[in-house]
Each structure stands twice: as C-alpha cells, then as structure tokens.
Amino acid sequence: MAAVRQPLLSFARPEDDTVELVMRKLPASDLVSIPDIASAMSIANSVVREWIDDGRLPTLPCGAGNERAHHKVSRITFRRLLRMKQQGLL
C-alpha cells in the first residue's frame, strides 16, 4: 500500500514541500532547540518534548546539566522525523 502524504502544517498548500517550509523557519545552525522546532511548526514545546520522551526525536545534550531544556536536535534528525511524519510512518 502506498504511503499517503500528510500535511505537516495547516497553512501549507498540497503542492508545497512542507518539510522544507518548516526547515526554512529554523535557525541556520546545525543544532536547533526545542523552542525553535515548536515555533517553526506553530506547535507547543510540550508536543516536541513528547516526541523526545517517546523516542521519536533523539537529542544531543548541550550546555550544563542533563535537563531537557539543555538538549538540542540536529537539523538532519529533525528533517528525517518530518519526512517520516509526512509519509504517514509516524
């Protein structure tokens, strides 16, 4: 059965590559924060934290301590998650 492309953003047109729309909203750095991701997708930080907590979005510890607030996500990993969501695999 073929995967159905799911819109990632409510305002995106069907012909848009919503993954790239989201990626363009992120800072240019290789690592992005939880608030950066939430803002780019117009969702709550808690939704991004759920993806992290359930293992769908791996993070890298950055800064002092091991608190989630000090974790960042690689752009490559986040793009992969978006593609999987777009294809209906998550």
Protein backbone atom coordinates (compact mmCIF):
# COMPACT_ATOMS: atom_id res chain seq x y z
CA MET A 1 0.00 0.00 0.00
CA ALA A 2 1.40 3.42 -0.95
CA ALA A 3 2.01 5.94 1.81
CA VAL A 4 -0.24 8.98 1.74
CA ARG A 5 1.48 12.36 2.08
CA GLN A 6 0.18 14.06 5.18
CA PRO A 7 0.26 17.87 5.54
CA LEU A 8 2.60 18.93 8.35
CA LEU A 9 1.36 22.49 8.53
CA SER A 10 -2.26 23.60 8.46
CA PHE A 11 -1.48 26.59 6.21
CA ALA A 12 0.55 24.67 3.60
CA ARG A 13 -0.82 24.08 0.13
CA PRO A 14 -0.81 20.48 -1.18
CA GLU A 15 1.89 21.32 -3.74
CA ASP A 16 4.22 22.80 -1.09
CA ASP A 17 7.06 20.75 0.30
CA THR A 18 6.03 21.31 3.90
CA VAL A 19 9.22 19.76 5.23
CA GLU A 20 11.30 22.41 3.51
CA LEU A 21 8.86 25.14 4.62
CA VAL A 22 9.47 24.11 8.23
CA MET A 23 13.23 23.75 7.75
CA ARG A 24 13.47 27.29 6.35
CA LYS A 25 11.85 28.64 9.51
CA LEU A 26 14.61 27.20 11.69
CA PRO A 27 17.85 28.98 12.59
CA ALA A 28 20.72 28.20 10.22
CA SER A 29 22.76 26.33 12.85
CA ASP A 30 23.34 22.57 12.72
CA LEU A 31 21.65 22.13 16.10
CA VAL A 32 18.22 23.55 16.91
CA SER A 33 16.41 23.95 20.21
CA ILE A 34 13.05 22.64 21.30
CA PRO A 35 11.52 26.15 21.17
CA ASP A 36 12.96 26.65 17.66
CA ILE A 37 11.23 23.49 16.44
CA ALA A 38 7.96 24.34 18.17
CA SER A 39 7.96 27.84 16.73
CA ALA A 40 8.75 26.64 13.18
CA MET A 41 5.80 24.23 13.31
CA SER A 42 3.45 26.50 15.27
CA ILE A 43 3.02 23.90 17.99
CA ALA A 44 3.62 23.86 21.75
CA ASN A 45 7.02 22.99 23.22
CA SER A 46 5.27 20.15 25.05
CA VAL A 47 4.48 18.42 21.72
CA VAL A 48 8.17 18.45 20.77
CA ARG A 49 9.06 17.17 24.26
CA GLU A 50 6.58 14.29 23.78
CA TRP A 51 8.40 13.31 20.57
CA ILE A 52 11.66 13.34 22.54
CA ASP A 53 10.25 11.46 25.54
CA ASP A 54 8.76 8.69 23.41
CA GLY A 55 11.97 8.28 21.39
CA ARG A 56 10.79 9.62 18.03
CA LEU A 57 13.16 12.60 18.17
CA PRO A 58 16.68 11.92 19.51
CA THR A 59 18.50 14.86 21.11
CA LEU A 60 22.05 15.85 21.97
CA PRO A 61 22.91 17.19 25.43
CA CYS A 62 24.21 20.76 25.21
CA GLY A 63 25.30 23.05 28.00
CA ALA A 64 25.28 22.38 31.71
CA GLY A 65 23.27 19.60 33.27
CA ASN A 66 21.14 16.89 31.74
CA GLU A 67 17.82 18.72 31.79
CA ARG A 68 15.73 18.57 28.63
CA ALA A 69 15.95 22.34 28.30
CA HIS A 70 19.65 21.90 27.58
CA HIS A 71 19.15 19.44 24.75
CA LYS A 72 19.24 20.26 21.06
CA VAL A 73 18.27 18.38 17.92
CA SER A 74 20.34 18.04 14.78
CA ARG A 75 18.74 19.50 11.65
CA ILE A 76 19.28 16.17 9.84
CA THR A 77 17.47 14.22 12.56
CA PHE A 78 14.58 16.68 12.61
CA ARG A 79 14.25 16.63 8.80
CA ARG A 80 14.14 12.81 8.93
CA LEU A 81 11.32 12.94 11.51
CA LEU A 82 9.37 15.40 9.36
CA ARG A 83 9.73 13.20 6.25
CA MET A 84 8.53 10.15 8.18
CA LYS A 85 5.52 12.10 9.51
CA GLN A 86 4.80 13.41 6.01
CA GLN A 87 4.76 9.85 4.64
CA GLY A 88 2.46 8.69 7.42
CA LEU A 89 5.09 6.46 9.01
CA LEU A 90 4.74 8.10 12.44
